PDB file of N, CA and C in Angstrom:
ATOM      1  N   UNK A   1      18.762 -13.138  26.827  1.00  0.00           N
ATOM      2  CA  UNK A   1      18.831 -11.917  26.953  1.00  0.00           C
ATOM      3  C   UNK A   1      19.700 -11.471  25.183  1.00  0.00           C
ATOM      4  N   UNK A   2      20.039 -12.660  24.738  1.00  0.00           N
ATOM      5  CA  UNK A   2      20.999 -11.933  23.833  1.00  0.00           C
ATOM      6  C   UNK A   2      20.192 -11.742  22.118  1.00  0.00           C
ATOM      7  N   UNK A   3      18.689 -11.795  22.010  1.00  0.00           N
ATOM      8  CA  UNK A   3      17.626 -11.887  21.573  1.00  0.00           C
ATOM      9  C   UNK A   3      16.998 -10.408  21.045  1.00  0.00           C
ATOM     10  N   UNK A   4      17.735  -9.576  21.878  1.00  0.00           N
ATOM     11  CA  UNK A   4      16.833  -7.621  21.914  1.00  0.00           C
ATOM     12  C   UNK A   4      17.300  -7.599  20.632  1.00  0.00           C
ATOM     13  N   UNK A   5      16.084  -6.948  20.046  1.00  0.00           N
ATOM     14  CA  UNK A   5      16.465  -6.800  18.946  1.00  0.00           C
ATOM     15  C   UNK A   5      17.135  -5.027  18.526  1.00  0.00           C
ATOM     16  N   UNK A   6      17.395  -4.862  17.513  1.00  0.00           N
ATOM     17  CA  UNK A   6      18.089  -3.710  17.589  1.00  0.00           C
ATOM     18  C   UNK A   6      17.157  -2.750  16.788  1.00  0.00           C
ATOM     19  N   UNK A   7      16.931  -1.223  16.681  1.00  0.00           N
ATOM     20  CA  UNK A   7      15.822  -0.447  16.112  1.00  0.00           C
ATOM     21  C   UNK A   7      16.029  -0.727  14.576  1.00  0.00           C
ATOM     22  N   UNK A   8      17.264  -1.183  14.162  1.00  0.00           N
ATOM     23  CA  UNK A   8      17.077  -1.413  12.985  1.00  0.00           C
ATOM     24  C   UNK A   8      16.753  -2.489  12.218  1.00  0.00           C
ATOM     25  N   UNK A   9      16.706  -3.368  13.607  1.00  0.00           N
ATOM     26  CA  UNK A   9      15.793  -4.705  12.632  1.00  0.00           C
ATOM     27  C   UNK A   9      14.119  -4.605  12.562  1.00  0.00           C
ATOM     28  N   UNK A  10      13.834  -3.341  12.562  1.00  0.00           N
ATOM     29  CA  UNK A  10      12.228  -3.211  12.121  1.00  0.00           C
ATOM     30  C   UNK A  10      12.436  -1.956  11.089  1.00  0.00           C
ATOM     31  N   UNK A  11      13.535  -1.701  10.447  1.00  0.00           N
ATOM     32  CA  UNK A  11      13.084  -1.149   9.222  1.00  0.00           C
ATOM     33  C   UNK A  11      12.181  -1.513   7.820  1.00  0.00           C
ATOM     34  N   UNK A  12      12.462  -2.792   8.040  1.00  0.00           N
ATOM     35  CA  UNK A  12      11.760  -3.839   7.007  1.00  0.00           C
ATOM     36  C   UNK A  12      10.100  -3.530   7.400  1.00  0.00           C
ATOM     37  N   UNK A  13      10.095  -3.780   8.775  1.00  0.00           N
ATOM     38  CA  UNK A  13       8.735  -3.750   8.654  1.00  0.00           C
ATOM     39  C   UNK A  13       8.132  -2.473   8.755  1.00  0.00           C
ATOM     40  N   UNK A  14       8.798  -0.699   9.216  1.00  0.00           N
ATOM     41  CA  UNK A  14       8.297   0.229   8.554  1.00  0.00           C
ATOM     42  C   UNK A  14       7.928   0.459   7.408  1.00  0.00           C
ATOM     43  N   UNK A  15       8.886   0.382   6.424  1.00  0.00           N
ATOM     44  CA  UNK A  15       8.688   0.101   5.305  1.00  0.00           C
ATOM     45  C   UNK A  15       7.873  -0.412   4.458  1.00  0.00           C
ATOM     46  N   UNK A  16       7.366  -1.713   4.895  1.00  0.00           N
ATOM     47  CA  UNK A  16       6.150  -2.570   4.731  1.00  0.00           C
ATOM     48  C   UNK A  16       5.078  -1.829   4.850  1.00  0.00           C
ATOM     49  N   UNK A  17       5.229  -1.334   6.227  1.00  0.00           N
ATOM     50  CA  UNK A  17       3.963  -0.291   6.718  1.00  0.00           C
ATOM     51  C   UNK A  17       3.807   1.226   5.370  1.00  0.00           C
ATOM     52  N   UNK A  18       4.796   1.465   4.592  1.00  0.00           N
ATOM     53  CA  UNK A  18       4.813   2.731   4.115  1.00  0.00           C
ATOM     54  C   UNK A  18       4.457   1.987   2.667  1.00  0.00           C
ATOM     55  N   UNK A  19       4.692   1.182   2.463  1.00  0.00           N
ATOM     56  CA  UNK A  19       4.526   0.762   1.079  1.00  0.00           C
ATOM     57  C   UNK A  19       2.834   0.140   0.903  1.00  0.00           C
ATOM     58  N   UNK A  20       2.297  -0.169   1.882  1.00  0.00           N
ATOM     59  CA  UNK A  20       0.963  -0.719   2.095  1.00  0.00           C
ATOM     60  C   UNK A  20      -0.086   0.901   2.076  1.00  0.00           C
ATOM     61  N   UNK A  21       0.769   1.876   2.735  1.00  0.00           N
ATOM     62  CA  UNK A  21      -0.188   2.996   2.824  1.00  0.00           C
ATOM     63  C   UNK A  21      -0.293   3.745   1.622  1.00  0.00           C
ATOM     64  N   UNK A  22       1.143   3.740   0.807  1.00  0.00           N
ATOM     65  CA  UNK A  22       1.082   4.193  -0.360  1.00  0.00           C
ATOM     66  C   UNK A  22       0.102   3.054  -1.744  1.00  0.00           C
ATOM     67  N   UNK A  23       0.667   2.105  -1.461  1.00  0.00           N
ATOM     68  CA  UNK A  23      -0.715   1.454  -2.343  1.00  0.00           C
ATOM     69  C   UNK A  23      -1.938   1.664  -2.164  1.00  0.00           C
ATOM     70  N   UNK A  24      -2.403   1.982  -1.046  1.00  0.00           N
ATOM     71  CA  UNK A  24      -3.551   2.296  -1.232  1.00  0.00           C
ATOM     72  C   UNK A  24      -4.102   3.775  -1.292  1.00  0.00           C
ATOM     73  N   UNK A  25      -3.197   5.032  -0.578  1.00  0.00           N
ATOM     74  CA  UNK A  25      -3.751   5.976  -0.366  1.00  0.00           C
ATOM     75  C   UNK A  25      -3.115   7.135  -1.774  1.00  0.00           C
ATOM     76  N   UNK A  26      -2.070   6.471  -2.779  1.00  0.00           N
ATOM     77  CA  UNK A  26      -2.067   7.096  -4.081  1.00  0.00           C
ATOM     78  C   UNK A  26      -3.146   7.116  -4.851  1.00  0.00           C
ATOM     79  N   UNK A  27      -3.611   5.756  -5.449  1.00  0.00           N
ATOM     80  CA  UNK A  27      -4.868   5.825  -6.538  1.00  0.00           C
ATOM     81  C   UNK A  27      -5.701   6.904  -5.880  1.00  0.00           C
ATOM     82  N   UNK A  28      -6.776   6.602  -4.402  1.00  0.00           N
ATOM     83  CA  UNK A  28      -7.360   7.006  -4.304  1.00  0.00           C
ATOM     84  C   UNK A  28      -7.250   8.253  -4.047  1.00  0.00           C
ATOM     85  N   UNK A  29      -5.869   9.255  -4.123  1.00  0.00           N
ATOM     86  CA  UNK A  29      -5.749  10.800  -3.829  1.00  0.00           C
ATOM     87  C   UNK A  29      -5.573  11.470  -5.342  1.00  0.00           C
ATOM     88  N   UNK A  30      -5.363   9.878  -6.360  1.00  0.00           N
ATOM     89  CA  UNK A  30      -5.359  10.052  -7.939  1.00  0.00           C
ATOM     90  C   UNK A  30      -6.869  10.485  -8.160  1.00  0.00           C
ATOM     91  N   UNK A  31      -7.416   9.361  -7.693  1.00  0.00           N
ATOM     92  CA  UNK A  31      -8.890   9.665  -8.333  1.00  0.00           C
ATOM     93  C   UNK A  31      -9.763  10.601  -8.091  1.00  0.00           C
ATOM     94  N   UNK A  32      -9.419  11.263  -6.706  1.00  0.00           N
ATOM     95  CA  UNK A  32     -10.059  12.212  -6.330  1.00  0.00           C
ATOM     96  C   UNK A  32      -9.654  13.499  -6.796  1.00  0.00           C
ATOM     97  N   UNK A  33      -8.363  13.599  -7.399  1.00  0.00           N
ATOM     98  CA  UNK A  33      -8.338  14.878  -7.926  1.00  0.00           C
ATOM     99  C   UNK A  33      -8.446  15.086  -9.399  1.00  0.00           C
ATOM    100  N   UNK A  34      -8.744  13.538 -10.176  1.00  0.00           N
ATOM    101  CA  UNK A  34      -9.019  13.460 -11.697  1.00  0.00           C
ATOM    102  C   UNK A  34     -10.528  13.520 -11.238  1.00  0.00           C
ATOM    103  N   UNK A  35     -11.230  13.459 -10.676  1.00  0.00           N
ATOM    104  CA  UNK A  35     -12.938  13.497  -9.997  1.00  0.00           C
ATOM    105  C   UNK A  35     -13.135  14.985 -10.068  1.00  0.00           C
ATOM    106  N   UNK A  36     -12.180  15.710  -9.501  1.00  0.00           N
ATOM    107  CA  UNK A  36     -12.389  17.197  -9.212  1.00  0.00           C
ATOM    108  C   UNK A  36     -12.221  17.924 -10.806  1.00  0.00           C
ATOM    109  N   UNK A  37     -10.731  17.363 -11.560  1.00  0.00           N
ATOM    110  CA  UNK A  37     -10.576  17.715 -12.886  1.00  0.00           C
ATOM    111  C   UNK A  37     -11.628  17.514 -13.811  1.00  0.00           C
ATOM    112  N   UNK A  38     -11.881  16.260 -14.024  1.00  0.00           N
ATOM    113  CA  UNK A  38     -13.366  16.307 -14.822  1.00  0.00           C
ATOM    114  C   UNK A  38     -14.538  16.039 -14.219  1.00  0.00           C
ATOM    115  N   UNK A  39     -15.034  16.737 -13.106  1.00  0.00           N
ATOM    116  CA  UNK A  39     -16.093  16.674 -12.607  1.00  0.00           C
ATOM    117  C   UNK A  39     -16.688  15.403 -13.272  1.00  0.00           C
ATOM    118  N   UNK A  40     -16.552  14.449 -12.246  1.00  0.00           N
ATOM    119  CA  UNK A  40     -16.980  12.969 -12.577  1.00  0.00           C
ATOM    120  C   UNK A  40     -17.193  12.368 -11.297  1.00  0.00           C
ATOM    121  N   UNK A  41     -17.184  12.851 -10.260  1.00  0.00           N
ATOM    122  CA  UNK A  41     -17.525  12.936  -8.916  1.00  0.00           C
ATOM    123  C   UNK A  41     -18.783  11.546  -9.095  1.00  0.00           C
ATOM    124  N   UNK A  42     -18.457  10.198  -8.044  1.00  0.00           N
ATOM    125  CA  UNK A  42     -17.648   9.832  -7.299  1.00  0.00           C
ATOM    126  C   UNK A  42     -16.863   8.228  -8.395  1.00  0.00           C
ATOM    127  N   UNK A  43     -17.177   9.027  -9.826  1.00  0.00           N
ATOM    128  CA  UNK A  43     -16.663   7.352 -10.204  1.00  0.00           C
ATOM    129  C   UNK A  43     -15.183   7.487  -9.961  1.00  0.00           C
ATOM    130  N   UNK A  44     -14.372   8.605 -10.870  1.00  0.00           N
ATOM    131  CA  UNK A  44     -12.832   7.936 -10.721  1.00  0.00           C
ATOM    132  C   UNK A  44     -12.082   7.472  -8.910  1.00  0.00           C
ATOM    133  N   UNK A  45     -12.958   8.160  -7.738  1.00  0.00           N
ATOM    134  CA  UNK A  45     -12.259   7.799  -6.719  1.00  0.00           C
ATOM    135  C   UNK A  45     -12.348   6.211  -5.897  1.00  0.00           C
ATOM    136  N   UNK A  46     -13.917   6.271  -6.870  1.00  0.00           N
ATOM    137  CA  UNK A  46     -14.590   4.730  -6.902  1.00  0.00           C
ATOM    138  C   UNK A  46     -12.986   3.526  -7.601  1.00  0.00           C
ATOM    139  N   UNK A  47     -12.624   4.166  -8.800  1.00  0.00           N
ATOM    140  CA  UNK A  47     -11.830   3.696  -9.456  1.00  0.00           C
ATOM    141  C   UNK A  47     -10.368   3.209  -8.964  1.00  0.00           C
ATOM    142  N   UNK A  48     -10.047   4.592  -8.459  1.00  0.00           N
ATOM    143  CA  UNK A  48      -9.221   4.517  -7.538  1.00  0.00           C
ATOM    144  C   UNK A  48      -9.258   3.743  -6.158  1.00  0.00           C
ATOM    145  N   UNK A  49     -10.071   3.612  -5.367  1.00  0.00           N
ATOM    146  CA  UNK A  49     -10.184   2.499  -4.264  1.00  0.00           C
ATOM    147  C   UNK A  49      -9.982   1.087  -4.600  1.00  0.00           C
ATOM    148  N   UNK A  50     -10.094   0.829  -5.870  1.00  0.00           N
ATOM    149  CA  UNK A  50     -10.235  -0.751  -6.008  1.00  0.00           C
ATOM    150  C   UNK A  50      -9.146  -0.592  -6.670  1.00  0.00           C
ATOM    151  N   UNK A  51      -8.866   0.058  -7.382  1.00  0.00           N
ATOM    152  CA  UNK A  51      -6.652   0.086  -7.853  1.00  0.00           C
ATOM    153  C   UNK A  51      -6.009  -0.124  -6.361  1.00  0.00           C
ATOM    154  N   UNK A  52      -6.341   0.856  -5.555  1.00  0.00           N
ATOM    155  CA  UNK A  52      -5.610   0.246  -4.108  1.00  0.00           C
ATOM    156  C   UNK A  52      -5.714  -0.842  -3.562  1.00  0.00           C
ATOM    157  N   UNK A  53      -6.748  -1.378  -3.602  1.00  0.00           N
ATOM    158  CA  UNK A  53      -7.403  -2.531  -2.928  1.00  0.00           C
ATOM    159  C   UNK A  53      -6.544  -3.915  -3.779  1.00  0.00           C
ATOM    160  N   UNK A  54      -6.579  -3.929  -4.645  1.00  0.00           N
ATOM    161  CA  UNK A  54      -5.800  -4.935  -6.272  1.00  0.00           C
ATOM    162  C   UNK A  54      -4.496  -4.491  -5.496  1.00  0.00           C
ATOM    163  N   UNK A  55      -3.517  -3.127  -5.291  1.00  0.00           N
ATOM    164  CA  UNK A  55      -1.889  -3.166  -5.250  1.00  0.00           C
ATOM    165  C   UNK A  55      -1.836  -3.788  -3.538  1.00  0.00           C
ATOM    166  N   UNK A  56      -2.601  -3.579  -2.833  1.00  0.00           N
ATOM    167  CA  UNK A  56      -2.515  -3.969  -1.149  1.00  0.00           C
ATOM    168  C   UNK A  56      -2.962  -5.554  -1.433  1.00  0.00           C
ATOM    169  N   UNK A  57      -3.251  -6.723  -2.177  1.00  0.00           N
ATOM    170  CA  UNK A  57      -3.534  -7.721  -2.250  1.00  0.00           C
ATOM    171  C   UNK A  57      -1.827  -8.290  -3.453  1.00  0.00           C
ATOM    172  N   UNK A  58      -1.907  -7.324  -3.852  1.00  0.00           N
ATOM    173  CA  UNK A  58      -0.265  -8.021  -5.109  1.00  0.00           C
ATOM    174  C   UNK A  58       0.492  -7.627  -3.565  1.00  0.00           C
ATOM    175  N   UNK A  59       1.119  -6.730  -2.967  1.00  0.00           N
ATOM    176  CA  UNK A  59       1.859  -6.408  -1.815  1.00  0.00           C
ATOM    177  C   UNK A  59       1.483  -7.705  -0.848  1.00  0.00           C
ATOM    178  N   UNK A  60       0.930  -8.033  -0.649  1.00  0.00           N
ATOM    179  CA  UNK A  60       0.987  -9.677   0.380  1.00  0.00           C
ATOM    180  C   UNK A  60       1.431 -10.178  -0.175  1.00  0.00           C
ATOM    181  N   UNK A  61       0.454 -10.849  -1.446  1.00  0.00           N
ATOM    182  CA  UNK A  61       1.211 -12.314  -2.169  1.00  0.00           C
ATOM    183  C   UNK A  61       2.387 -11.681  -2.417  1.00  0.00           C
ATOM    184  N   UNK A  62       3.186 -10.762  -2.341  1.00  0.00           N
ATOM    185  CA  UNK A  62       4.777 -10.747  -2.906  1.00  0.00           C
ATOM    186  C   UNK A  62       5.322 -10.494  -1.310  1.00  0.00           C
ATOM    187  N   UNK A  63       4.822 -10.215  -0.264  1.00  0.00           N
ATOM    188  CA  UNK A  63       5.481 -10.555   1.271  1.00  0.00           C
ATOM    189  C   UNK A  63       5.414 -11.820   1.466  1.00  0.00           C
ATOM    190  N   UNK A  64       4.065 -12.205   0.890  1.00  0.00           N
ATOM    191  CA  UNK A  64       4.138 -14.267   1.160  1.00  0.00           C
ATOM    192  C   UNK A  64       5.203 -15.282   0.673  1.00  0.00           C
ATOM    193  N   UNK A  65       5.695 -14.325  -0.594  1.00  0.00           N
ATOM    194  CA  UNK A  65       6.611 -15.145  -1.064  1.00  0.00           C
ATOM    195  C   UNK A  65       7.867 -14.922  -0.898  1.00  0.00           C
ATOM    196  N   UNK A  66       7.956 -13.799  -0.343  1.00  0.00           N
ATOM    197  CA  UNK A  66       9.254 -13.280   0.432  1.00  0.00           C
ATOM    198  C   UNK A  66       9.710 -13.814   1.713  1.00  0.00           C
ATOM    199  N   UNK A  67       8.476 -14.001   2.103  1.00  0.00           N
ATOM    200  CA  UNK A  67       8.896 -14.805   3.621  1.00  0.00           C
ATOM    201  C   UNK A  67       8.917 -16.372   3.587  1.00  0.00           C
ATOM    202  N   UNK A  68       7.851 -16.864   2.138  1.00  0.00           N
ATOM    203  CA  UNK A  68       8.466 -18.263   2.268  1.00  0.00           C
ATOM    204  C   UNK A  68       9.697 -18.687   1.628  1.00  0.00           C
ATOM    205  N   UNK A  69      10.290 -17.755   1.200  1.00  0.00           N
ATOM    206  CA  UNK A  69      11.926 -17.731   0.295  1.00  0.00           C
ATOM    207  C   UNK A  69      13.221 -17.991   1.848  1.00  0.00           C
ATOM    208  N   UNK A  70      12.539 -17.327   3.103  1.00  0.00           N
ATOM    209  CA  UNK A  70      13.481 -17.473   3.890  1.00  0.00           C
ATOM    210  C   UNK A  70      13.247 -18.230   4.858  1.00  0.00           C
TER     211      UNK A  70
END
């Protein structure tokens, strides 16, 4: 019964979810905005998607290293 987790124990997981969402969403929205500005649709949004995917892989490897240290 002493294993109950407090709501503050989940802050790390919530922040990780926010990091993953931002790592994917920011490059995509930036690519969309640049596509509309330069009228180069869909090329820059595709570049934004690729950058977002690379960001997520980097976050996964960093998370793996953090968890292996614990």
